[in-house]
Amino acid sequence: MPKRVDVRERRTLIADALMRVAAAQGLEAVSVRHVAAAAGVSVGMVQHYFRTRDEMMVFALDVVRDRNQARVTAALSALGPDPQPRAMLRTLLVTVLPLDEQSRADGLVALAFLAYTAVRPAGVKSDDTAQMLGFIASLLPDPDAAVGVLALMEGLGMYVLGGQYTAEQALKALDAQLDLLF
């Protein structure tokens, strides 16, 4: 009897290898051959699970998105049954910002994917931004400020990833802006 293989698990193993290659060398280094080597599998196995490089990239982006969502959900749940809006917003933003090793690695990959999707918009569609804006707006005294808060988070993330700000500087700037909003 043939061995049963968890297809999602295998595809995720390959996506994890893609993310390691992308984080270490940039998306331009992502190839079926490099990803297969990083995953410790054959090129044929990668091609079995992904027909094209773009299909592999889109799946890896979904993995990043799912992991980020799981981190946010866990962090918000840890606040307890009735958290204040400011605490919820700060927790959300701090969880998304690249302030530790794992979120920094994910942030670098997400940044690379942002550049990737900018030139291939047909293959990657997501309503993540609209959902994030809606959630942020629901927490703010002035819902129109949600776009600015999202821009603040993205900008701080870029500066932390680029080395212009430390995690401490980003948190100080975030808290100063939240103080103004609340």
N, C-alpha and C. Protein backbone atom coordinates (compact mmCIF):
# COMPACT_ATOMS: atom_id res chain seq x y z
N MET A 1 0.85 -1.18 0.00
CA MET A 1 0.00 0.00 0.00
C MET A 1 0.89 1.25 0.00
N PRO A 2 0.61 2.20 -0.89
CA PRO A 2 1.44 3.40 -0.94
C PRO A 2 1.33 4.24 0.33
N LYS A 3 2.42 4.89 0.63
CA LYS A 3 2.47 5.76 1.80
C LYS A 3 1.60 6.99 1.57
N ARG A 4 0.80 7.36 2.55
CA ARG A 4 -0.03 8.58 2.46
C ARG A 4 0.83 9.79 2.77
N VAL A 5 0.72 10.79 1.92
CA VAL A 5 1.50 12.01 2.07
C VAL A 5 0.55 13.16 2.32
N ASP A 6 0.87 13.97 3.31
CA ASP A 6 0.09 15.17 3.59
C ASP A 6 0.56 16.24 2.61
N VAL A 7 -0.26 16.52 1.60
CA VAL A 7 0.12 17.44 0.54
C VAL A 7 0.39 18.83 1.09
N ARG A 8 -0.47 19.31 1.98
CA ARG A 8 -0.27 20.65 2.55
C ARG A 8 1.04 20.71 3.33
N GLU A 9 1.35 19.67 4.07
CA GLU A 9 2.60 19.62 4.83
C GLU A 9 3.81 19.68 3.90
N ARG A 10 3.77 18.92 2.81
CA ARG A 10 4.88 18.93 1.86
C ARG A 10 5.01 20.29 1.17
N ARG A 11 3.87 20.86 0.79
CA ARG A 11 3.91 22.17 0.14
C ARG A 11 4.44 23.24 1.11
N THR A 12 4.07 23.11 2.39
CA THR A 12 4.56 24.05 3.41
C THR A 12 6.05 23.87 3.64
N LEU A 13 6.54 22.64 3.63
CA LEU A 13 7.98 22.38 3.75
C LEU A 13 8.73 23.10 2.62
N ILE A 14 8.21 23.01 1.43
CA ILE A 14 8.82 23.67 0.29
C ILE A 14 8.71 25.19 0.42
N ALA A 15 7.56 25.68 0.87
CA ALA A 15 7.37 27.13 1.07
C ALA A 15 8.34 27.66 2.13
N ASP A 16 8.54 26.89 3.20
CA ASP A 16 9.50 27.30 4.23
C ASP A 16 10.90 27.43 3.65
N ALA A 17 11.27 26.49 2.80
CA ALA A 17 12.58 26.56 2.15
C ALA A 17 12.66 27.78 1.24
N LEU A 18 11.59 28.06 0.52
CA LEU A 18 11.56 29.25 -0.33
C LEU A 18 11.77 30.50 0.51
N MET A 19 11.13 30.56 1.67
CA MET A 19 11.28 31.73 2.54
C MET A 19 12.70 31.85 3.08
N ARG A 20 13.33 30.74 3.39
CA ARG A 20 14.72 30.79 3.85
C ARG A 20 15.63 31.33 2.74
N VAL A 21 15.43 30.85 1.53
CA VAL A 21 16.22 31.34 0.39
C VAL A 21 15.96 32.83 0.18
N ALA A 22 14.69 33.22 0.20
CA ALA A 22 14.33 34.63 -0.03
C ALA A 22 14.89 35.52 1.07
N ALA A 23 14.81 35.09 2.32
CA ALA A 23 15.30 35.91 3.43
C ALA A 23 16.82 36.05 3.37
N ALA A 24 17.50 35.01 2.96
CA ALA A 24 18.96 35.03 2.94
C ALA A 24 19.54 35.69 1.69
N GLN A 25 18.86 35.49 0.54
CA GLN A 25 19.47 35.91 -0.72
C GLN A 25 18.56 36.79 -1.58
N GLY A 26 17.33 37.02 -1.14
CA GLY A 26 16.40 37.81 -1.94
C GLY A 26 15.59 36.92 -2.88
N LEU A 27 14.47 37.45 -3.33
CA LEU A 27 13.59 36.66 -4.19
C LEU A 27 14.21 36.33 -5.53
N GLU A 28 15.14 37.14 -5.99
CA GLU A 28 15.78 36.85 -7.27
C GLU A 28 16.54 35.52 -7.24
N ALA A 29 16.92 35.07 -6.04
CA ALA A 29 17.63 33.80 -5.90
C ALA A 29 16.68 32.61 -5.83
N VAL A 30 15.40 32.87 -5.72
CA VAL A 30 14.43 31.78 -5.60
C VAL A 30 14.27 31.11 -6.95
N SER A 31 14.67 29.85 -6.99
CA SER A 31 14.47 29.01 -8.17
C SER A 31 14.06 27.64 -7.67
N VAL A 32 13.53 26.85 -8.56
CA VAL A 32 13.14 25.49 -8.16
C VAL A 32 14.36 24.74 -7.62
N ARG A 33 15.48 24.90 -8.28
CA ARG A 33 16.70 24.21 -7.85
C ARG A 33 17.16 24.66 -6.47
N HIS A 34 17.20 26.00 -6.23
CA HIS A 34 17.63 26.51 -4.92
C HIS A 34 16.66 26.11 -3.82
N VAL A 35 15.38 26.18 -4.10
CA VAL A 35 14.38 25.82 -3.09
C VAL A 35 14.46 24.33 -2.78
N ALA A 36 14.62 23.51 -3.79
CA ALA A 36 14.75 22.06 -3.56
C ALA A 36 15.95 21.77 -2.68
N ALA A 37 17.07 22.42 -2.96
CA ALA A 37 18.27 22.20 -2.14
C ALA A 37 18.03 22.65 -0.70
N ALA A 38 17.39 23.80 -0.52
CA ALA A 38 17.12 24.30 0.84
C ALA A 38 16.15 23.40 1.59
N ALA A 39 15.23 22.77 0.87
CA ALA A 39 14.24 21.88 1.50
C ALA A 39 14.79 20.47 1.70
N GLY A 40 15.91 20.16 1.05
CA GLY A 40 16.46 18.81 1.14
C GLY A 40 15.65 17.80 0.36
N VAL A 41 15.05 18.25 -0.74
CA VAL A 41 14.25 17.37 -1.59
C VAL A 41 14.73 17.51 -3.03
N SER A 42 14.21 16.68 -3.89
CA SER A 42 14.61 16.73 -5.30
C SER A 42 13.86 17.83 -6.04
N VAL A 43 14.45 18.27 -7.14
CA VAL A 43 13.78 19.24 -8.01
C VAL A 43 12.45 18.66 -8.49
N GLY A 44 12.44 17.37 -8.78
CA GLY A 44 11.22 16.71 -9.23
C GLY A 44 10.10 16.79 -8.20
N MET A 45 10.45 16.69 -6.91
CA MET A 45 9.43 16.78 -5.87
C MET A 45 8.83 18.19 -5.84
N VAL A 46 9.68 19.19 -5.94
CA VAL A 46 9.19 20.57 -5.97
C VAL A 46 8.26 20.75 -7.16
N GLN A 47 8.66 20.25 -8.31
CA GLN A 47 7.83 20.38 -9.51
C GLN A 47 6.55 19.57 -9.41
N HIS A 48 6.55 18.51 -8.63
CA HIS A 48 5.33 17.72 -8.42
C HIS A 48 4.28 18.53 -7.66
N TYR A 49 4.73 19.29 -6.67
CA TYR A 49 3.80 20.05 -5.83
C TYR A 49 3.50 21.45 -6.36
N PHE A 50 4.36 21.98 -7.20
CA PHE A 50 4.15 23.32 -7.77
C PHE A 50 4.50 23.28 -9.25
N ARG A 51 3.52 23.58 -10.09
CA ARG A 51 3.74 23.55 -11.54
C ARG A 51 4.67 24.66 -12.01
N THR A 52 4.59 25.82 -11.31
CA THR A 52 5.39 26.97 -11.74
C THR A 52 6.02 27.64 -10.52
N ARG A 53 7.02 28.47 -10.78
CA ARG A 53 7.64 29.27 -9.72
C ARG A 53 6.60 30.21 -9.13
N ASP A 54 5.76 30.82 -9.98
CA ASP A 54 4.74 31.73 -9.48
C ASP A 54 3.76 31.03 -8.54
N GLU A 55 3.37 29.81 -8.87
CA GLU A 55 2.47 29.05 -7.99
C GLU A 55 3.13 28.81 -6.64
N MET A 56 4.40 28.50 -6.66
CA MET A 56 5.16 28.29 -5.42
C MET A 56 5.23 29.59 -4.61
N MET A 57 5.44 30.70 -5.30
CA MET A 57 5.52 32.00 -4.62
C MET A 57 4.19 32.37 -3.99
N VAL A 58 3.10 32.18 -4.69
CA VAL A 58 1.78 32.53 -4.16
C VAL A 58 1.47 31.68 -2.93
N PHE A 59 1.79 30.39 -2.98
CA PHE A 59 1.55 29.53 -1.82
C PHE A 59 2.40 29.99 -0.63
N ALA A 60 3.66 30.33 -0.87
CA ALA A 60 4.52 30.79 0.22
C ALA A 60 3.98 32.08 0.84
N LEU A 61 3.46 32.97 0.02
CA LEU A 61 2.85 34.19 0.54
C LEU A 61 1.66 33.86 1.43
N ASP A 62 0.87 32.87 1.04
CA ASP A 62 -0.25 32.43 1.88
C ASP A 62 0.23 31.88 3.21
N VAL A 63 1.34 31.16 3.21
CA VAL A 63 1.91 30.63 4.45
C VAL A 63 2.33 31.77 5.37
N VAL A 64 3.00 32.77 4.81
CA VAL A 64 3.41 33.94 5.61
C VAL A 64 2.18 34.62 6.19
N ARG A 65 1.16 34.80 5.38
CA ARG A 65 -0.07 35.46 5.82
C ARG A 65 -0.74 34.66 6.96
N ASP A 66 -0.82 33.34 6.80
CA ASP A 66 -1.44 32.49 7.83
C ASP A 66 -0.67 32.56 9.14
N ARG A 67 0.64 32.54 9.07
CA ARG A 67 1.45 32.60 10.29
C ARG A 67 1.30 33.95 10.99
N ASN A 68 1.27 34.99 10.21
CA ASN A 68 1.10 36.32 10.77
C ASN A 68 -0.27 36.42 11.46
N GLN A 69 -1.29 35.91 10.80
CA GLN A 69 -2.64 35.94 11.37
C GLN A 69 -2.70 35.13 12.68
N ALA A 70 -2.03 34.00 12.71
CA ALA A 70 -2.01 33.19 13.93
C ALA A 70 -1.32 33.93 15.08
N ARG A 71 -0.21 34.63 14.79
CA ARG A 71 0.47 35.41 15.82
C ARG A 71 -0.43 36.53 16.34
N VAL A 72 -1.10 37.23 15.44
CA VAL A 72 -1.99 38.32 15.84
C VAL A 72 -3.14 37.79 16.68
N THR A 73 -3.75 36.71 16.24
CA THR A 73 -4.88 36.13 16.98
C THR A 73 -4.45 35.71 18.38
N ALA A 74 -3.30 35.07 18.50
CA ALA A 74 -2.81 34.64 19.82
C ALA A 74 -2.52 35.84 20.71
N ALA A 75 -1.89 36.87 20.15
CA ALA A 75 -1.56 38.06 20.95
C ALA A 75 -2.81 38.78 21.42
N LEU A 76 -3.80 38.91 20.54
CA LEU A 76 -5.04 39.59 20.94
C LEU A 76 -5.82 38.75 21.95
N SER A 77 -5.81 37.45 21.80
CA SER A 77 -6.50 36.57 22.76
C SER A 77 -5.88 36.66 24.14
N ALA A 78 -4.56 36.87 24.18
CA ALA A 78 -3.86 36.95 25.46
C ALA A 78 -4.26 38.20 26.26
N LEU A 79 -4.90 39.16 25.60
CA LEU A 79 -5.33 40.37 26.31
C LEU A 79 -6.52 40.14 27.23
N GLY A 80 -7.18 38.99 27.08
CA GLY A 80 -8.32 38.70 27.94
C GLY A 80 -9.64 39.00 27.29
N PRO A 81 -10.72 38.89 28.06
CA PRO A 81 -12.06 38.96 27.48
C PRO A 81 -12.55 40.35 27.06
N ASP A 82 -12.07 41.41 27.69
CA ASP A 82 -12.61 42.74 27.36
C ASP A 82 -11.51 43.80 27.33
N PRO A 83 -10.59 43.69 26.38
CA PRO A 83 -9.49 44.65 26.34
C PRO A 83 -9.93 46.02 25.84
N GLN A 84 -9.21 47.03 26.24
CA GLN A 84 -9.46 48.39 25.77
C GLN A 84 -9.00 48.51 24.31
N PRO A 85 -9.66 49.37 23.54
CA PRO A 85 -9.28 49.53 22.12
C PRO A 85 -7.80 49.90 21.92
N ARG A 86 -7.27 50.80 22.76
CA ARG A 86 -5.87 51.19 22.61
C ARG A 86 -4.96 49.99 22.81
N ALA A 87 -5.24 49.17 23.80
CA ALA A 87 -4.43 47.99 24.07
C ALA A 87 -4.52 47.01 22.90
N MET A 88 -5.70 46.86 22.34
CA MET A 88 -5.86 45.97 21.20
C MET A 88 -5.07 46.49 20.00
N LEU A 89 -5.16 47.77 19.74
CA LEU A 89 -4.46 48.35 18.60
C LEU A 89 -2.95 48.24 18.78
N ARG A 90 -2.46 48.56 19.96
CA ARG A 90 -1.02 48.48 20.20
C ARG A 90 -0.54 47.03 20.06
N THR A 91 -1.30 46.10 20.60
CA THR A 91 -0.93 44.69 20.50
C THR A 91 -0.88 44.25 19.05
N LEU A 92 -1.88 44.62 18.28
CA LEU A 92 -1.90 44.29 16.86
C LEU A 92 -0.66 44.83 16.17
N LEU A 93 -0.39 46.11 16.36
CA LEU A 93 0.73 46.75 15.66
C LEU A 93 2.08 46.20 16.10
N VAL A 94 2.24 45.98 17.40
CA VAL A 94 3.50 45.43 17.91
C VAL A 94 3.71 44.01 17.38
N THR A 95 2.64 43.24 17.27
CA THR A 95 2.75 41.87 16.78
C THR A 95 3.14 41.84 15.31
N VAL A 96 2.67 42.80 14.55
CA VAL A 96 2.97 42.84 13.12
C VAL A 96 4.34 43.44 12.83
N LEU A 97 4.79 44.35 13.67
CA LEU A 97 6.10 44.98 13.44
C LEU A 97 7.23 43.95 13.57
N PRO A 98 8.29 44.10 12.78
CA PRO A 98 9.41 43.15 12.81
C PRO A 98 10.37 43.44 13.97
N LEU A 99 9.95 43.12 15.18
CA LEU A 99 10.71 43.50 16.37
C LEU A 99 11.53 42.36 16.98
N ASP A 100 11.29 41.13 16.53
CA ASP A 100 12.09 40.01 17.02
C ASP A 100 12.60 39.21 15.82
N GLU A 101 13.38 38.20 16.07
CA GLU A 101 14.03 37.45 14.99
C GLU A 101 13.01 36.84 14.02
N GLN A 102 11.98 36.18 14.55
CA GLN A 102 11.00 35.52 13.67
C GLN A 102 10.20 36.54 12.86
N SER A 103 9.71 37.59 13.52
CA SER A 103 8.91 38.57 12.77
C SER A 103 9.79 39.37 11.81
N ARG A 104 11.06 39.51 12.13
CA ARG A 104 11.99 40.18 11.21
C ARG A 104 12.18 39.33 9.95
N ALA A 105 12.39 38.03 10.13
CA ALA A 105 12.54 37.14 8.98
C ALA A 105 11.27 37.16 8.13
N ASP A 106 10.12 37.08 8.78
CA ASP A 106 8.85 37.15 8.05
C ASP A 106 8.68 38.50 7.36
N GLY A 107 9.12 39.56 8.04
CA GLY A 107 9.02 40.90 7.46
C GLY A 107 9.88 41.06 6.22
N LEU A 108 11.08 40.50 6.25
CA LEU A 108 11.95 40.56 5.07
C LEU A 108 11.32 39.82 3.90
N VAL A 109 10.75 38.65 4.18
CA VAL A 109 10.10 37.88 3.13
C VAL A 109 8.86 38.62 2.63
N ALA A 110 8.07 39.17 3.55
CA ALA A 110 6.87 39.92 3.14
C ALA A 110 7.24 41.12 2.28
N LEU A 111 8.32 41.79 2.63
CA LEU A 111 8.77 42.94 1.85
C LEU A 111 9.17 42.49 0.44
N ALA A 112 9.88 41.39 0.36
CA ALA A 112 10.26 40.85 -0.95
C ALA A 112 9.02 40.48 -1.75
N PHE A 113 8.03 39.89 -1.08
CA PHE A 113 6.79 39.52 -1.77
C PHE A 113 6.02 40.76 -2.23
N LEU A 114 6.08 41.82 -1.45
CA LEU A 114 5.41 43.06 -1.86
C LEU A 114 5.99 43.54 -3.19
N ALA A 115 7.30 43.52 -3.30
CA ALA A 115 7.93 43.91 -4.56
C ALA A 115 7.55 42.93 -5.67
N TYR A 116 7.49 41.66 -5.34
CA TYR A 116 7.11 40.62 -6.32
C TYR A 116 5.69 40.85 -6.84
N THR A 117 4.76 41.08 -5.93
CA THR A 117 3.37 41.25 -6.34
C THR A 117 3.14 42.57 -7.06
N ALA A 118 4.00 43.54 -6.84
CA ALA A 118 3.85 44.83 -7.53
C ALA A 118 4.01 44.68 -9.03
N VAL A 119 4.80 43.70 -9.46
CA VAL A 119 4.99 43.50 -10.89
C VAL A 119 4.21 42.31 -11.43
N ARG A 120 3.50 41.61 -10.56
CA ARG A 120 2.67 40.47 -10.97
C ARG A 120 1.32 40.51 -10.26
N PRO A 121 0.57 41.59 -10.42
CA PRO A 121 -0.65 41.74 -9.64
C PRO A 121 -1.75 40.73 -9.97
N ALA A 122 -1.73 40.14 -11.13
CA ALA A 122 -2.81 39.23 -11.50
C ALA A 122 -2.79 37.94 -10.70
N GLY A 123 -1.62 37.50 -10.26
CA GLY A 123 -1.53 36.22 -9.57
C GLY A 123 -1.79 36.26 -8.09
N VAL A 124 -1.76 37.42 -7.48
CA VAL A 124 -1.88 37.51 -6.03
C VAL A 124 -2.96 38.53 -5.68
N LYS A 125 -4.05 38.05 -5.16
CA LYS A 125 -5.13 38.95 -4.74
C LYS A 125 -5.39 38.70 -3.26
N SER A 126 -5.56 39.77 -2.53
CA SER A 126 -5.83 39.64 -1.11
C SER A 126 -6.59 40.86 -0.63
N ASP A 127 -7.50 40.61 0.28
CA ASP A 127 -8.22 41.73 0.89
C ASP A 127 -7.69 42.00 2.29
N ASP A 128 -6.44 41.59 2.55
CA ASP A 128 -5.83 41.78 3.86
C ASP A 128 -5.81 43.24 4.28
N THR A 129 -5.45 44.12 3.34
CA THR A 129 -5.35 45.54 3.68
C THR A 129 -6.72 46.09 4.08
N ALA A 130 -7.74 45.74 3.34
CA ALA A 130 -9.09 46.23 3.67
C ALA A 130 -9.54 45.70 5.03
N GLN A 131 -9.25 44.44 5.30
CA GLN A 131 -9.61 43.87 6.60
C GLN A 131 -8.86 44.56 7.73
N MET A 132 -7.57 44.77 7.53
CA MET A 132 -6.75 45.44 8.54
C MET A 132 -7.27 46.85 8.79
N LEU A 133 -7.54 47.58 7.72
CA LEU A 133 -8.05 48.95 7.86
C LEU A 133 -9.38 48.96 8.62
N GLY A 134 -10.25 48.04 8.29
CA GLY A 134 -11.54 47.97 8.97
C GLY A 134 -11.39 47.70 10.46
N PHE A 135 -10.50 46.77 10.80
CA PHE A 135 -10.28 46.44 12.20
C PHE A 135 -9.67 47.63 12.95
N ILE A 136 -8.67 48.26 12.34
CA ILE A 136 -8.04 49.42 12.97
C ILE A 136 -9.06 50.53 13.16
N ALA A 137 -9.86 50.80 12.13
CA ALA A 137 -10.89 51.86 12.21
C ALA A 137 -11.87 51.58 13.34
N SER A 138 -12.19 50.31 13.56
CA SER A 138 -13.16 49.96 14.61
C SER A 138 -12.62 50.24 16.01
N LEU A 139 -11.30 50.38 16.13
CA LEU A 139 -10.68 50.61 17.44
C LEU A 139 -10.41 52.07 17.74
N LEU A 140 -10.46 52.91 16.73
CA LEU A 140 -10.05 54.31 16.88
C LEU A 140 -11.21 55.24 17.22
N PRO A 141 -10.95 56.26 18.03
CA PRO A 141 -11.97 57.29 18.27
C PRO A 141 -12.37 58.00 16.97
N ASP A 142 -11.41 58.18 16.06
CA ASP A 142 -11.67 58.75 14.74
C ASP A 142 -11.31 57.70 13.69
N PRO A 143 -12.32 56.97 13.17
CA PRO A 143 -12.04 55.89 12.21
C PRO A 143 -11.29 56.34 10.96
N ASP A 144 -11.40 57.63 10.61
CA ASP A 144 -10.69 58.14 9.42
C ASP A 144 -9.17 58.10 9.61
N ALA A 145 -8.71 57.95 10.83
CA ALA A 145 -7.26 57.90 11.09
C ALA A 145 -6.66 56.53 10.80
N ALA A 146 -7.48 55.56 10.45
CA ALA A 146 -6.99 54.19 10.24
C ALA A 146 -5.93 54.12 9.14
N VAL A 147 -6.11 54.84 8.06
CA VAL A 147 -5.13 54.82 6.98
C VAL A 147 -3.77 55.31 7.49
N GLY A 148 -3.78 56.35 8.28
CA GLY A 148 -2.54 56.87 8.85
C GLY A 148 -1.88 55.89 9.79
N VAL A 149 -2.67 55.18 10.58
CA VAL A 149 -2.12 54.18 11.50
C VAL A 149 -1.48 53.04 10.72
N LEU A 150 -2.16 52.60 9.67
CA LEU A 150 -1.59 51.54 8.84
C LEU A 150 -0.29 52.02 8.19
N ALA A 151 -0.27 53.25 7.70
CA ALA A 151 0.95 53.81 7.10
C ALA A 151 2.06 53.91 8.15
N LEU A 152 1.71 54.30 9.37
CA LEU A 152 2.68 54.37 10.46
C LEU A 152 3.31 52.99 10.69
N MET A 153 2.46 51.95 10.77
CA MET A 153 2.96 50.60 11.01
C MET A 153 3.88 50.16 9.87
N GLU A 154 3.45 50.39 8.64
CA GLU A 154 4.26 49.98 7.49
C GLU A 154 5.59 50.75 7.47
N GLY A 155 5.53 52.04 7.71
CA GLY A 155 6.74 52.85 7.71
C GLY A 155 7.71 52.45 8.80
N LEU A 156 7.21 52.25 10.00
CA LEU A 156 8.08 51.81 11.10
C LEU A 156 8.70 50.46 10.77
N GLY A 157 7.89 49.57 10.21
CA GLY A 157 8.40 48.25 9.83
C GLY A 157 9.54 48.35 8.82
N MET A 158 9.35 49.21 7.83
CA MET A 158 10.39 49.40 6.81
C MET A 158 11.68 49.94 7.45
N TYR A 159 11.54 50.91 8.34
CA TYR A 159 12.73 51.50 8.97
C TYR A 159 13.43 50.50 9.91
N VAL A 160 12.68 49.66 10.58
CA VAL A 160 13.29 48.64 11.43
C VAL A 160 14.02 47.61 10.55
N LEU A 161 13.34 47.15 9.49
CA LEU A 161 13.97 46.19 8.59
C LEU A 161 15.22 46.77 7.93
N GLY A 162 15.18 48.05 7.61
CA GLY A 162 16.32 48.69 6.96
C GLY A 162 17.44 49.08 7.91
N GLY A 163 17.20 48.94 9.21
CA GLY A 163 18.23 49.25 10.19
C GLY A 163 18.29 50.71 10.60
N GLN A 164 17.35 51.54 10.10
CA GLN A 164 17.36 52.95 10.48
C GLN A 164 16.83 53.16 11.90
N TYR A 165 15.91 52.30 12.34
CA TYR A 165 15.35 52.37 13.69
C TYR A 165 15.60 51.06 14.41
N THR A 166 15.81 51.17 15.71
CA THR A 166 15.85 49.97 16.54
C THR A 166 14.41 49.63 16.92
N ALA A 167 14.23 48.47 17.49
CA ALA A 167 12.90 48.10 17.97
C ALA A 167 12.41 49.09 19.01
N GLU A 168 13.31 49.51 19.87
CA GLU A 168 12.94 50.45 20.93
C GLU A 168 12.50 51.80 20.35
N GLN A 169 13.21 52.28 19.34
CA GLN A 169 12.82 53.54 18.70
C GLN A 169 11.46 53.41 18.02
N ALA A 170 11.22 52.30 17.38
CA ALA A 170 9.93 52.09 16.71
C ALA A 170 8.80 52.06 17.73
N LEU A 171 9.01 51.37 18.84
CA LEU A 171 7.97 51.31 19.88
C LEU A 171 7.72 52.68 20.49
N LYS A 172 8.76 53.45 20.69
CA LYS A 172 8.61 54.80 21.24
C LYS A 172 7.79 55.67 20.28
N ALA A 173 8.09 55.59 18.99
CA ALA A 173 7.34 56.36 17.99
C ALA A 173 5.89 55.89 17.92
N LEU A 174 5.68 54.57 17.97
CA LEU A 174 4.33 54.02 17.95
C LEU A 174 3.53 54.52 19.14
N ASP A 175 4.10 54.43 20.33
CA ASP A 175 3.39 54.86 21.53
C ASP A 175 3.07 56.36 21.50
N ALA A 176 3.98 57.16 20.96
CA ALA A 176 3.73 58.60 20.86
C ALA A 176 2.53 58.86 19.94
N GLN A 177 2.43 58.14 18.85
CA GLN A 177 1.31 58.33 17.95
C GLN A 177 0.00 57.81 18.56
N LEU A 178 0.08 56.70 19.25
CA LEU A 178 -1.13 56.18 19.91
C LEU A 178 -1.61 57.16 20.99
N ASP A 179 -0.67 57.79 21.70
CA ASP A 179 -1.05 58.79 22.71
C ASP A 179 -1.81 59.94 22.04
N LEU A 180 -1.38 60.35 20.86
CA LEU A 180 -2.08 61.42 20.16
C LEU A 180 -3.49 60.99 19.72
N LEU A 181 -3.62 59.75 19.30
CA LEU A 181 -4.91 59.25 18.82
C LEU A 181 -5.90 59.00 19.95
N PHE A 182 -5.39 58.58 21.11
CA PHE A 182 -6.27 58.24 22.22
C PHE A 182 -6.18 59.30 23.31
